[in-house]
Amino acid sequence: MERIQATYLIETPYKVEQAAAVLAGEQSSGTFVSVPGETDELKTRFAARVEAIEVLGEVSAPSMPGEIIDNKTYTQAKVTVSWSVENFGYNIPTLISTLQGNLYELRQFTGLKLDDFELPESYKNHFKGPNFGMKGTKELASVGLERPMIGTIIKPSVGLTPEYTANLVKTLAEAGIDFVKDDELLASSGNSPFAVRVEQIMKVINDFADKTGKKIMYAFNITGDLDTMKTNYDTVVKAGGTCAMMSINSIGWAGVKQVCDFGELSIHGHRNGWGMLNRHPLLGINFPAYNKIWRLAGVDQMHVNGIKNKFWESDDAVVRSIKSCHTPFLNNESVIPVVSSGQWGGQAFETYKRTQTTNLLYMAGGGIMAHPSGPAGGVRALHQAWDSAVKGMTLEETAKQYKEFGESVVKFG
């Protein structure tokens, strides 16, 4: 019988083998005491199995509340557990409940984090994954594989009128932007009704495409209940849009998949709330597992933060996330990593050095909007930075050669 394997980072005051066995039992056939009906045959067929244990070290104090034992050290380890596909079939919410359910509440653990999981080949027959992925999304935005998509976020996040936003998109388009998105805090507001915003922005985008042949991608935030999202999605499609953004943690897996299944727009997955799920080093979920859950739903674009970002996430974690997006999974070759949060052209050099890829969406909010020469200068500075990074030039050389990038170094560097 096919099995699903998941890897966890754990911390426990107990013997690691004992704690891992508790995890496996809690997340399959077991409970805290033997019960009638839990036969050896049933356990052989349906119980989770501990497949591997790798001890990582010991600490003298617990990382979070749990079973606190005086004068006891706490062992940290990597544990792999497997389940039979029979337990949940191809029901992903039930799979998520298994991988991320009551195990987080077990007192045997003072640290527990889902790091990654692997699915058997049969899942390819049930989940097609993203409709566009990395290549399809770049094609929709008329961007080749030789450079990243350059994007920005409309700021201020709320308060701008549709007319102002549309004029700003026109300026950005003329400067060479590839991608623009709503902020996650803006869906439909009194000052910017969704349908009006779509109409006015898409008029600018369509007019620009008619003149130049390039249709920039705008990610409209369709987040809402299912009826609202369907209405918003149809509004974007009717206006000729190519992308919809969803706050995936707020909506949930089933709702996101239903929208992805419509199949006409590239789906930009905004992971706001990520810190709540990941910030503690021994609680929550790491990006490789998180990314796979949303790729199963069909998301095409995934936020990963960025090098030297404004948040807490380390550069190593960001690089791992980018590589995770590019790793083939079931029927899908890759999704496009969305590099953002406090980015400007200066980080392009380290980003390219560490990842050796241009297959990403590189977004700068303030890095474009607050450029000394205005948003147009900000867009040009990002193109200059990435072109130079790929050619092997240094930041200092690029600043001397290009006026706009030089100005951004003075402003942001």
Protein backbone atom coordinates (compact mmCIF):
# COMPACT_ATOMS: atom_id res chain seq x y z
CA MET A 1 0.00 0.00 0.00
CA GLU A 2 1.30 3.46 -0.91
CA ARG A 3 2.43 5.63 1.98
CA ILE A 4 2.89 9.33 2.65
CA GLN A 5 6.03 10.37 4.51
CA ALA A 6 6.42 13.52 6.60
CA THR A 7 9.51 14.89 8.33
CA TYR A 8 9.26 16.81 11.59
CA LEU A 9 11.71 18.75 13.71
CA ILE A 10 10.97 17.85 17.33
CA GLU A 11 12.13 18.60 20.87
CA THR A 12 11.23 16.38 23.83
CA PRO A 13 12.32 15.58 27.40
CA TYR A 14 11.46 11.91 26.73
CA LYS A 15 13.34 9.32 24.76
CA VAL A 16 12.99 10.36 21.13
CA GLU A 17 11.71 6.90 20.12
CA GLN A 18 8.97 7.12 22.76
CA ALA A 19 7.88 10.63 21.74
CA ALA A 20 7.87 9.71 18.05
CA ALA A 21 5.69 6.69 18.77
CA VAL A 22 3.20 8.94 20.59
CA LEU A 23 3.08 11.25 17.56
CA ALA A 24 2.45 8.35 15.20
CA GLY A 25 -0.29 6.94 17.40
CA GLU A 26 -2.06 10.26 17.96
CA GLN A 27 -2.17 10.95 14.23
CA SER A 28 -3.53 7.56 13.16
CA SER A 29 -5.24 4.72 15.00
CA GLY A 30 -4.03 5.28 18.55
CA THR A 31 -5.17 7.10 21.67
CA PHE A 32 -3.69 7.44 25.16
CA VAL A 33 -4.82 3.91 26.11
CA SER A 34 -5.56 0.69 24.23
CA VAL A 35 -9.21 0.39 23.22
CA PRO A 36 -11.39 -2.47 21.93
CA GLY A 37 -11.15 -2.84 18.17
CA GLU A 38 -7.53 -1.70 17.88
CA THR A 39 -6.33 -5.09 16.73
CA ASP A 40 -2.85 -5.97 15.53
CA GLU A 41 -4.29 -6.36 12.02
CA LEU A 42 -5.84 -2.89 12.15
CA LYS A 43 -2.62 -1.31 13.42
CA THR A 44 -0.55 -3.05 10.75
CA ARG A 45 -2.81 -1.68 8.02
CA PHE A 46 -3.70 1.80 9.29
CA ALA A 47 -1.30 2.91 12.05
CA ALA A 48 1.37 5.46 11.29
CA ARG A 49 4.96 4.22 11.37
CA VAL A 50 8.12 5.90 12.59
CA GLU A 51 10.47 5.47 9.64
CA ALA A 52 13.61 7.32 10.73
CA ILE A 53 15.07 9.27 13.65
CA GLU A 54 18.09 11.58 13.50
CA VAL A 55 19.17 13.12 16.80
CA LEU A 56 20.33 16.72 16.30
CA GLY A 57 21.44 17.65 19.82
CA GLU A 58 20.32 18.56 23.33
CA VAL A 59 19.32 21.80 25.06
CA SER A 60 18.99 22.57 28.76
CA ALA A 61 15.70 24.50 28.57
CA PRO A 62 12.45 23.85 26.66
CA SER A 63 11.75 25.91 23.54
CA MET A 64 8.06 26.24 24.38
CA PRO A 65 5.53 24.98 26.97
CA GLY A 66 5.13 21.22 27.25
CA GLU A 67 6.12 18.52 29.71
CA ILE A 68 8.59 20.39 31.92
CA ILE A 69 10.76 18.01 33.94
CA ASP A 70 13.23 19.33 36.51
CA ASN A 71 16.91 18.63 35.91
CA LYS A 72 16.11 17.18 32.50
CA THR A 73 17.71 17.92 29.15
CA TYR A 74 15.61 18.23 25.99
CA THR A 75 16.54 16.29 22.89
CA GLN A 76 16.10 17.82 19.45
CA ALA A 77 15.72 15.48 16.50
CA LYS A 78 14.46 15.04 12.95
CA VAL A 79 11.78 12.36 12.77
CA THR A 80 10.16 10.81 9.68
CA VAL A 81 6.68 9.31 10.03
CA SER A 82 4.57 7.59 7.36
CA TRP A 83 0.87 6.87 6.85
CA SER A 84 -1.00 4.61 4.48
CA VAL A 85 -2.85 6.49 1.74
CA GLU A 86 -5.86 4.40 2.80
CA ASN A 87 -6.24 6.60 5.87
CA PHE A 88 -7.43 9.63 3.90
CA GLY A 89 -7.41 8.76 0.21
CA TYR A 90 -6.99 11.97 -1.79
CA ASN A 91 -8.79 14.25 0.67
CA ILE A 92 -6.25 17.03 1.20
CA PRO A 93 -7.96 18.78 4.14
CA THR A 94 -7.91 15.42 5.95
CA LEU A 95 -4.26 14.98 4.97
CA ILE A 96 -3.52 18.43 6.41
CA SER A 97 -5.38 17.48 9.60
CA THR A 98 -3.15 14.44 9.83
CA LEU A 99 0.12 16.24 9.15
CA GLN A 100 -0.72 19.33 11.22
CA GLY A 101 -3.44 18.32 13.67
CA ASN A 102 -3.55 17.45 17.36
CA LEU A 103 0.13 16.49 17.40
CA TYR A 104 0.95 20.15 18.09
CA GLU A 105 -0.89 19.85 21.40
CA LEU A 106 0.89 16.75 22.70
CA ARG A 107 2.57 17.42 26.03
CA GLN A 108 5.45 15.09 25.12
CA PHE A 109 6.84 17.83 22.85
CA THR A 110 8.43 21.15 23.73
CA GLY A 111 9.05 21.72 20.02
CA LEU A 112 7.42 20.35 16.88
CA LYS A 113 7.54 21.62 13.30
CA LEU A 114 6.45 20.02 10.02
CA ASP A 115 9.45 20.39 7.72
CA ASP A 116 8.49 18.56 4.52
CA PHE A 117 6.43 15.68 3.17
CA GLU A 118 6.43 13.37 0.16
CA LEU A 119 3.43 12.03 -1.74
CA PRO A 120 3.23 8.79 -3.77
CA GLU A 121 2.96 8.74 -7.56
CA SER A 122 -0.79 8.05 -7.52
CA TYR A 123 -1.45 11.68 -6.48
CA LYS A 124 -0.49 12.71 -10.01
CA ASN A 125 -3.75 11.20 -11.20
CA HIS A 126 -5.84 13.31 -8.82
CA PHE A 127 -4.15 16.73 -8.70
CA LYS A 128 -2.98 18.56 -11.81
CA GLY A 129 -1.43 21.37 -9.77
CA PRO A 130 -1.03 24.95 -11.03
CA ASN A 131 -2.56 25.84 -14.39
CA PHE A 132 0.29 28.18 -15.34
CA GLY A 133 3.18 27.71 -12.93
CA MET A 134 6.44 29.56 -13.43
CA LYS A 135 6.74 29.35 -17.23
CA GLY A 136 3.09 30.06 -17.97
CA THR A 137 2.99 33.04 -15.63
CA LYS A 138 6.08 34.60 -17.22
CA GLU A 139 4.58 34.03 -20.67
CA LEU A 140 1.36 35.79 -19.65
CA ALA A 141 3.47 38.78 -18.59
CA SER A 142 5.55 38.68 -21.82
CA VAL A 143 8.75 37.98 -19.90
CA GLY A 144 11.35 35.49 -21.11
CA LEU A 145 13.35 33.06 -19.00
CA GLU A 146 16.52 35.16 -19.28
CA ARG A 147 15.39 37.75 -16.69
CA PRO A 148 13.10 38.01 -13.69
CA MET A 149 9.65 39.58 -13.73
CA ILE A 150 9.94 43.05 -12.19
CA GLY A 151 6.97 44.00 -10.06
CA THR A 152 5.63 46.39 -7.46
CA ILE A 153 2.81 46.80 -4.96
CA ILE A 154 0.41 49.73 -4.99
CA LYS A 155 1.07 51.89 -1.94
CA PRO A 156 -0.47 53.33 0.19
CA SER A 157 -2.22 50.00 0.76
CA VAL A 158 -5.63 51.63 1.20
CA GLY A 159 -7.00 55.08 0.44
CA LEU A 160 -6.09 55.60 -3.20
CA THR A 161 -8.87 56.11 -5.74
CA PRO A 162 -9.21 53.87 -8.81
CA GLU A 163 -8.35 56.86 -11.00
CA TYR A 164 -5.11 57.56 -9.15
CA THR A 165 -4.18 53.88 -9.17
CA ALA A 166 -4.85 53.58 -12.91
CA ASN A 167 -2.67 56.62 -13.64
CA LEU A 168 0.10 55.13 -11.53
CA VAL A 169 -0.16 51.83 -13.44
CA LYS A 170 0.17 53.81 -16.69
CA THR A 171 3.39 55.42 -15.44
CA LEU A 172 4.75 52.04 -14.33
CA ALA A 173 3.84 50.37 -17.62
CA GLU A 174 5.62 53.06 -19.63
CA ALA A 175 8.69 52.62 -17.41
CA GLY A 176 8.87 48.88 -18.17
CA ILE A 177 7.11 47.19 -15.24
CA ASP A 178 6.00 43.58 -15.73
CA PHE A 179 3.74 43.09 -12.73
CA VAL A 180 1.67 45.20 -10.34
CA LYS A 181 -0.52 44.01 -7.50
CA ASP A 182 -3.08 45.19 -5.02
CA ASP A 183 -1.92 45.21 -1.43
CA GLU A 184 -3.33 42.30 0.57
CA LEU A 185 -5.22 44.79 2.75
CA LEU A 186 -7.21 46.09 -0.20
CA ALA A 187 -10.02 44.00 -1.66
CA SER A 188 -13.01 46.29 -2.15
CA SER A 189 -13.21 49.49 -0.12
CA GLY A 190 -15.48 52.50 -0.02
CA ASN A 191 -12.75 54.51 -1.66
CA SER A 192 -11.89 51.87 -4.27
CA PRO A 193 -14.77 49.53 -5.19
CA PHE A 194 -13.38 46.34 -6.74
CA ALA A 195 -15.30 46.46 -10.05
CA VAL A 196 -14.44 50.14 -10.62
CA ARG A 197 -10.76 49.54 -9.88
CA VAL A 198 -10.63 46.61 -12.31
CA GLU A 199 -12.36 48.58 -15.05
CA GLN A 200 -10.06 51.58 -14.85
CA ILE A 201 -6.80 49.68 -14.41
CA MET A 202 -7.54 47.20 -17.19
CA LYS A 203 -8.39 50.03 -19.58
CA VAL A 204 -4.85 51.36 -19.05
CA ILE A 205 -3.31 47.89 -19.39
CA ASN A 206 -5.29 46.98 -22.49
CA ASP A 207 -4.55 50.33 -24.18
CA PHE A 208 -0.85 49.88 -23.44
CA ALA A 209 -0.95 46.33 -24.84
CA ASP A 210 -2.65 47.55 -28.02
CA LYS A 211 0.11 50.12 -28.54
CA THR A 212 3.15 48.04 -27.58
CA GLY A 213 2.19 44.37 -27.71
CA LYS A 214 3.15 43.95 -24.02
CA LYS A 215 0.38 43.22 -21.54
CA ILE A 216 1.56 43.76 -18.00
CA MET A 217 0.15 41.50 -15.31
CA TYR A 218 -1.97 43.03 -12.54
CA ALA A 219 -2.89 40.85 -9.53
CA PHE A 220 -6.32 41.99 -8.35
CA ASN A 221 -7.07 40.96 -4.77
CA ILE A 222 -10.25 38.89 -5.09
CA THR A 223 -10.16 37.63 -1.47
CA GLY A 224 -13.58 37.09 0.11
CA ASP A 225 -16.16 34.36 0.60
CA LEU A 226 -16.70 31.93 -2.29
CA ASP A 227 -19.50 33.91 -3.93
CA THR A 228 -17.51 37.14 -3.72
CA MET A 229 -14.40 35.50 -5.14
CA LYS A 230 -16.33 34.00 -8.05
CA THR A 231 -17.88 37.39 -8.87
CA ASN A 232 -14.52 39.14 -8.57
CA TYR A 233 -12.78 36.46 -10.64
CA ASP A 234 -15.32 36.78 -13.43
CA THR A 235 -14.94 40.58 -13.34
CA VAL A 236 -11.19 40.26 -13.91
CA VAL A 237 -11.62 37.72 -16.73
CA LYS A 238 -14.27 39.83 -18.47
CA ALA A 239 -11.99 42.89 -18.33
CA GLY A 240 -9.13 40.98 -19.93
CA GLY A 241 -7.02 40.49 -16.81
CA THR A 242 -4.49 37.70 -16.42
CA CYS A 243 -4.03 37.34 -12.65
CA ALA A 244 -5.92 37.16 -9.36
CA MET A 245 -4.43 37.43 -5.89
CA MET A 246 -5.71 35.57 -2.85
CA SER A 247 -4.76 35.72 0.83
CA ILE A 248 -4.44 31.95 0.96
CA ASN A 249 -4.15 31.52 4.74
CA SER A 250 -7.34 33.53 5.27
CA ILE A 251 -9.33 31.62 2.67
CA GLY A 252 -8.21 28.05 3.34
CA TRP A 253 -7.23 25.17 1.09
CA ALA A 254 -10.66 24.16 -0.22
CA GLY A 255 -11.63 27.71 -1.16
CA VAL A 256 -8.30 28.38 -2.87
CA LYS A 257 -8.53 25.16 -4.86
CA GLN A 258 -12.04 25.98 -6.03
CA VAL A 259 -10.82 29.30 -7.42
CA CYS A 260 -7.69 27.76 -8.96
CA ASP A 261 -9.89 25.19 -10.70
CA PHE A 262 -11.59 27.98 -12.69
CA GLY A 263 -8.34 27.85 -14.67
CA GLU A 264 -8.35 31.17 -16.54
CA LEU A 265 -6.04 33.33 -14.40
CA SER A 266 -2.60 32.90 -12.89
CA ILE A 267 -3.09 32.73 -9.12
CA HIS A 268 -0.87 34.88 -6.91
CA GLY A 269 -0.72 33.27 -3.47
CA HIS A 270 -0.13 35.86 -0.75
CA ARG A 271 0.91 34.17 2.49
CA ASN A 272 0.14 37.00 4.94
CA GLY A 273 0.06 35.41 8.39
CA TRP A 274 3.13 33.34 7.53
CA GLY A 275 5.00 34.48 10.64
CA MET A 276 2.28 33.04 12.84
CA LEU A 277 2.84 29.66 11.18
CA ASN A 278 6.62 29.67 10.91
CA ARG A 279 8.44 32.27 13.00
CA HIS A 280 9.18 30.02 15.98
CA PRO A 281 12.08 27.70 15.03
CA LEU A 282 10.38 24.69 16.63
CA LEU A 283 6.68 25.32 16.03
CA GLY A 284 4.48 25.35 12.94
CA ILE A 285 5.52 24.50 9.39
CA ASN A 286 8.54 25.10 7.16
CA PHE A 287 8.18 26.38 3.62
CA PRO A 288 8.83 23.17 1.64
CA ALA A 289 5.78 21.52 3.23
CA TYR A 290 3.70 24.72 3.08
CA ASN A 291 4.55 25.22 -0.60
CA LYS A 292 3.44 21.71 -1.53
CA ILE A 293 0.06 22.13 0.17
CA TRP A 294 -0.70 25.19 -1.98
CA ARG A 295 0.72 23.67 -5.16
CA LEU A 296 -1.76 20.84 -4.65
CA ALA A 297 -4.49 23.48 -4.64
CA GLY A 298 -3.15 25.02 -7.87
CA VAL A 299 -1.43 28.25 -6.80
CA ASP A 300 1.00 29.56 -9.48
CA GLN A 301 2.91 32.24 -7.56
CA MET A 302 4.21 31.91 -3.98
CA HIS A 303 5.62 34.58 -1.68
CA VAL A 304 9.05 33.73 -0.23
CA ASN A 305 10.30 37.04 1.30
CA GLY A 306 13.70 38.19 0.01
CA ILE A 307 17.40 38.55 0.73
CA LYS A 308 18.01 41.05 3.55
CA ASN A 309 14.25 41.47 3.85
CA LYS A 310 12.47 43.78 6.28
CA PHE A 311 11.03 40.87 8.25
CA TRP A 312 12.61 38.27 10.55
CA GLU A 313 13.23 35.46 8.05
CA SER A 314 16.87 34.52 7.40
CA ASP A 315 18.52 34.64 3.99
CA ASP A 316 19.16 30.89 4.18
CA ALA A 317 15.44 30.23 4.70
CA VAL A 318 14.57 32.48 1.73
CA VAL A 319 17.05 30.66 -0.53
CA ARG A 320 15.58 27.31 0.55
CA SER A 321 12.08 28.61 -0.22
CA ILE A 322 13.10 29.77 -3.72
CA LYS A 323 14.64 26.39 -4.46
CA SER A 324 11.51 24.68 -3.13
CA CYS A 325 9.38 26.60 -5.64
CA HIS A 326 11.66 25.42 -8.46
CA THR A 327 11.65 21.77 -7.35
CA PRO A 328 9.32 19.57 -9.47
CA PHE A 329 6.29 18.31 -7.56
CA LEU A 330 3.80 15.79 -8.97
CA ASN A 331 2.67 17.08 -12.40
CA ASN A 332 4.19 20.54 -12.00
CA GLU A 333 7.74 21.57 -12.84
CA SER A 334 7.82 24.76 -10.79
CA VAL A 335 5.88 27.73 -9.48
CA ILE A 336 7.27 31.25 -9.54
CA PRO A 337 8.77 32.46 -6.24
CA VAL A 338 7.67 35.99 -5.35
CA VAL A 339 10.68 37.76 -3.84
CA SER A 340 9.52 40.76 -1.82
CA SER A 341 9.56 42.64 1.51
CA GLY A 342 11.96 45.56 1.73
CA GLN A 343 13.53 44.84 -1.65
CA TRP A 344 15.30 47.28 -3.96
CA GLY A 345 17.88 46.73 -6.67
CA GLY A 346 20.70 46.36 -4.18
CA GLN A 347 19.65 42.85 -3.15
CA ALA A 348 19.57 41.60 -6.76
CA PHE A 349 23.31 40.86 -6.70
CA GLU A 350 23.22 38.60 -3.63
CA THR A 351 19.94 37.02 -4.72
CA TYR A 352 21.38 35.99 -8.08
CA LYS A 353 24.69 34.91 -6.53
CA ARG A 354 22.95 32.57 -4.09
CA THR A 355 20.22 31.19 -6.35
CA GLN A 356 21.69 31.44 -9.87
CA THR A 357 18.20 31.93 -11.27
CA THR A 358 16.17 34.63 -12.95
CA ASN A 359 12.98 32.58 -12.76
CA LEU A 360 11.32 34.66 -10.10
CA LEU A 361 9.06 37.65 -9.59
CA TYR A 362 11.14 40.36 -7.97
CA MET A 363 8.89 42.91 -6.27
CA ALA A 364 9.78 46.25 -4.74
CA GLY A 365 7.18 48.48 -3.14
CA GLY A 366 9.03 51.39 -1.56
CA GLY A 367 12.07 50.46 -3.63
CA ILE A 368 10.15 51.63 -6.70
CA MET A 369 7.58 54.06 -5.35
CA ALA A 370 10.04 56.02 -3.19
CA HIS A 371 12.83 56.24 -5.78
CA PRO A 372 14.30 59.77 -6.07
CA SER A 373 13.32 59.91 -9.76
CA GLY A 374 9.84 58.61 -9.04
CA PRO A 375 8.30 55.20 -9.83
CA ALA A 376 9.63 55.28 -13.40
CA GLY A 377 13.17 55.68 -12.08
CA GLY A 378 12.57 52.90 -9.60
CA VAL A 379 11.53 50.46 -12.32
CA ARG A 380 14.55 51.33 -14.45
CA ALA A 381 16.87 50.91 -11.45
CA LEU A 382 15.59 47.36 -10.83
CA HIS A 383 16.06 46.39 -14.47
CA GLN A 384 19.58 47.83 -14.36
CA ALA A 385 20.40 45.94 -11.17
CA TRP A 386 19.26 42.56 -12.44
CA ASP A 387 20.81 42.96 -15.86
CA SER A 388 24.11 43.82 -14.19
CA ALA A 389 23.90 41.03 -11.63
CA VAL A 390 23.39 38.42 -14.36
CA LYS A 391 26.36 39.87 -16.29
CA GLY A 392 28.58 39.49 -13.23
CA MET A 393 28.96 43.17 -12.44
CA THR A 394 29.22 44.39 -8.86
CA LEU A 395 26.84 46.74 -7.12
CA GLU A 396 29.51 49.45 -7.12
CA GLU A 397 30.16 49.10 -10.86
CA THR A 398 26.44 49.25 -11.59
CA ALA A 399 25.97 52.36 -9.47
CA LYS A 400 28.69 54.14 -11.43
CA GLN A 401 27.30 53.10 -14.81
CA TYR A 402 23.58 53.77 -14.32
CA LYS A 403 22.07 57.00 -13.04
CA GLU A 404 18.82 55.50 -11.68
CA PHE A 405 20.52 52.64 -9.87
CA GLY A 406 23.10 55.03 -8.49
CA GLU A 407 20.30 57.17 -7.08
CA SER A 408 18.71 54.14 -5.44
CA VAL A 409 22.01 53.24 -3.75
CA VAL A 410 22.17 56.73 -2.24
CA LYS A 411 18.51 56.49 -1.13
CA PHE A 412 18.31 52.88 0.10
CA GLY A 413 21.85 51.54 0.39
